[in-house]
Amino acid sequence: MERLVIDVDNAANARLLVRLMKELDFVKAISTEAFTGGQALTEIDWVRPGRPASNQEMESMVAEAEAEYETHRGMPLEKAKALTRSRFDTWKKENGL
């Protein structure tokens, strides 16, 4: 099963598109939601390229990073670099690069 995310310019057009899509036999489910912008990430939002983080999300990331640094729970820089390189090398091999 695949998930499709579509942004529509207004609610009336969204309702029209939903009615059209419900007529298709292969469409399993349709749900709509109003986009208000600036909301915290939802389960599927992280995959939307170009979506700017909200102030709340940025503050949360910074606070988490500062807490890890202060309690020495974070990964040392050299270990993080090695892990990233290893994962990148694995990805390149898997993709024939």
C-alpha atoms as a PDB file:
ATOM      1  CA  MET A   1       0.000   0.000   0.000  1.00  0.00           C
ATOM      2  CA  GLU A   2       1.213   3.511  -0.782  1.00  0.00           C
ATOM      3  CA  ARG A   3       0.314   6.786   0.899  1.00  0.00           C
ATOM      4  CA  LEU A   4      -0.236   9.916  -1.184  1.00  0.00           C
ATOM      5  CA  VAL A   5      -0.129  13.403   0.335  1.00  0.00           C
ATOM      6  CA  ILE A   6      -1.739  16.166  -1.737  1.00  0.00           C
ATOM      7  CA  ASP A   7      -1.906  19.882  -0.920  1.00  0.00           C
ATOM      8  CA  VAL A   8      -4.996  21.606  -2.325  1.00  0.00           C
ATOM      9  CA  ASP A   9      -5.488  25.373  -2.531  1.00  0.00           C
ATOM     10  CA  ASN A  10      -8.820  25.528  -0.670  1.00  0.00           C
ATOM     11  CA  ALA A  11     -11.385  23.430   1.214  1.00  0.00           C
ATOM     12  CA  ALA A  12     -13.957  23.410  -1.594  1.00  0.00           C
ATOM     13  CA  ASN A  13     -11.471  21.966  -4.066  1.00  0.00           C
ATOM     14  CA  ALA A  14     -10.321  19.453  -1.456  1.00  0.00           C
ATOM     15  CA  ARG A  15     -13.909  18.213  -1.021  1.00  0.00           C
ATOM     16  CA  LEU A  16     -14.289  17.927  -4.794  1.00  0.00           C
ATOM     17  CA  LEU A  17     -11.070  15.930  -5.081  1.00  0.00           C
ATOM     18  CA  VAL A  18     -12.152  13.619  -2.246  1.00  0.00           C
ATOM     19  CA  ARG A  19     -15.479  12.933  -3.978  1.00  0.00           C
ATOM     20  CA  LEU A  20     -13.666  12.087  -7.208  1.00  0.00           C
ATOM     21  CA  MET A  21     -11.141   9.833  -5.509  1.00  0.00           C
ATOM     22  CA  LYS A  22     -13.813   7.928  -3.560  1.00  0.00           C
ATOM     23  CA  GLU A  23     -15.177   6.737  -6.901  1.00  0.00           C
ATOM     24  CA  LEU A  24     -11.939   4.862  -7.646  1.00  0.00           C
ATOM     25  CA  ASP A  25     -12.018   1.164  -6.709  1.00  0.00           C
ATOM     26  CA  PHE A  26      -8.343   1.013  -5.765  1.00  0.00           C
ATOM     27  CA  VAL A  27      -8.539   3.865  -3.223  1.00  0.00           C
ATOM     28  CA  LYS A  28      -8.703   2.232   0.215  1.00  0.00           C
ATOM     29  CA  ALA A  29      -9.241   5.259   2.474  1.00  0.00           C
ATOM     30  CA  ILE A  30      -9.259   9.050   2.303  1.00  0.00           C
ATOM     31  CA  SER A  31      -8.855  11.535   5.120  1.00  0.00           C
ATOM     32  CA  THR A  32      -8.487  15.296   5.098  1.00  0.00           C
ATOM     33  CA  GLU A  33      -6.931  17.758   7.491  1.00  0.00           C
ATOM     34  CA  ALA A  34      -6.639  21.520   7.480  1.00  0.00           C
ATOM     35  CA  PHE A  35      -3.059  22.767   7.319  1.00  0.00           C
ATOM     36  CA  THR A  36      -2.487  25.660   9.680  1.00  0.00           C
ATOM     37  CA  GLY A  37       1.310  25.784   9.373  1.00  0.00           C
ATOM     38  CA  GLY A  38       3.761  25.958  12.217  1.00  0.00           C
ATOM     39  CA  GLN A  39       2.474  22.781  13.840  1.00  0.00           C
ATOM     40  CA  ALA A  40       4.761  20.228  15.456  1.00  0.00           C
ATOM     41  CA  LEU A  41       5.763  17.328  13.225  1.00  0.00           C
ATOM     42  CA  THR A  42       3.300  14.499  12.866  1.00  0.00           C
ATOM     43  CA  GLU A  43       4.234  10.916  12.075  1.00  0.00           C
ATOM     44  CA  ILE A  44       4.355  11.520   8.307  1.00  0.00           C
ATOM     45  CA  ASP A  45       5.496  15.159   8.207  1.00  0.00           C
ATOM     46  CA  TRP A  46       9.183  14.373   8.568  1.00  0.00           C
ATOM     47  CA  VAL A  47       9.234  13.066   5.003  1.00  0.00           C
ATOM     48  CA  ARG A  48       8.012  16.329   3.493  1.00  0.00           C
ATOM     49  CA  PRO A  49      11.093  17.971   1.977  1.00  0.00           C
ATOM     50  CA  GLY A  50      11.406  21.705   2.375  1.00  0.00           C
ATOM     51  CA  ARG A  51       9.044  21.897   5.328  1.00  0.00           C
ATOM     52  CA  PRO A  52      10.509  24.455   7.747  1.00  0.00           C
ATOM     53  CA  ALA A  53      10.710  23.506  11.417  1.00  0.00           C
ATOM     54  CA  SER A  54       8.485  25.494  13.761  1.00  0.00           C
ATOM     55  CA  ASN A  55      10.018  27.595  16.538  1.00  0.00           C
ATOM     56  CA  GLN A  56       8.808  25.026  19.053  1.00  0.00           C
ATOM     57  CA  GLU A  57      10.553  22.214  17.161  1.00  0.00           C
ATOM     58  CA  MET A  58      13.798  24.208  16.920  1.00  0.00           C
ATOM     59  CA  GLU A  59      13.729  25.074  20.620  1.00  0.00           C
ATOM     60  CA  SER A  60      13.049  21.425  21.470  1.00  0.00           C
ATOM     61  CA  MET A  61      16.003  20.245  19.350  1.00  0.00           C
ATOM     62  CA  VAL A  62      18.355  22.784  20.909  1.00  0.00           C
ATOM     63  CA  ALA A  63      17.225  21.924  24.444  1.00  0.00           C
ATOM     64  CA  GLU A  64      17.703  18.214  23.773  1.00  0.00           C
ATOM     65  CA  ALA A  65      21.183  18.766  22.316  1.00  0.00           C
ATOM     66  CA  GLU A  66      22.215  20.978  25.250  1.00  0.00           C
ATOM     67  CA  ALA A  67      20.968  18.401  27.757  1.00  0.00           C
ATOM     68  CA  GLU A  68      22.931  15.641  26.018  1.00  0.00           C
ATOM     69  CA  TYR A  69      26.070  17.785  25.970  1.00  0.00           C
ATOM     70  CA  GLU A  70      25.774  18.756  29.643  1.00  0.00           C
ATOM     71  CA  THR A  71      25.197  15.179  30.822  1.00  0.00           C
ATOM     72  CA  HIS A  72      27.772  13.674  28.426  1.00  0.00           C
ATOM     73  CA  ARG A  73      25.088  11.360  26.991  1.00  0.00           C
ATOM     74  CA  GLY A  74      25.790  12.396  23.427  1.00  0.00           C
ATOM     75  CA  MET A  75      28.023  10.452  21.060  1.00  0.00           C
ATOM     76  CA  PRO A  76      31.633  11.666  20.796  1.00  0.00           C
ATOM     77  CA  LEU A  77      32.335  13.515  17.546  1.00  0.00           C
ATOM     78  CA  GLU A  78      34.811  10.981  16.162  1.00  0.00           C
ATOM     79  CA  LYS A  79      32.442   8.087  16.854  1.00  0.00           C
ATOM     80  CA  ALA A  80      29.583   9.962  15.179  1.00  0.00           C
ATOM     81  CA  LYS A  81      31.758  10.657  12.121  1.00  0.00           C
ATOM     82  CA  ALA A  82      32.808   6.998  11.877  1.00  0.00           C
ATOM     83  CA  LEU A  83      29.219   5.787  12.209  1.00  0.00           C
ATOM     84  CA  THR A  84      28.003   8.256   9.569  1.00  0.00           C
ATOM     85  CA  ARG A  85      30.777   7.248   7.159  1.00  0.00           C
ATOM     86  CA  SER A  86      29.997   3.571   7.714  1.00  0.00           C
ATOM     87  CA  ARG A  87      26.287   4.071   7.056  1.00  0.00           C
ATOM     88  CA  PHE A  88      27.041   6.159   3.965  1.00  0.00           C
ATOM     89  CA  ASP A  89      29.432   3.504   2.608  1.00  0.00           C
ATOM     90  CA  THR A  90      26.778   0.825   3.167  1.00  0.00           C
ATOM     91  CA  TRP A  91      24.180   2.977   1.386  1.00  0.00           C
ATOM     92  CA  LYS A  92      26.540   3.534  -1.561  1.00  0.00           C
ATOM     93  CA  LYS A  93      27.165  -0.226  -1.900  1.00  0.00           C
ATOM     94  CA  GLU A  94      23.437  -1.000  -1.717  1.00  0.00           C
ATOM     95  CA  ASN A  95      22.747   1.576  -4.450  1.00  0.00           C
ATOM     96  CA  GLY A  96      25.624   0.608  -6.717  1.00  0.00           C
ATOM     97  CA  LEU A  97      27.519   3.853  -6.280  1.00  0.00           C
END
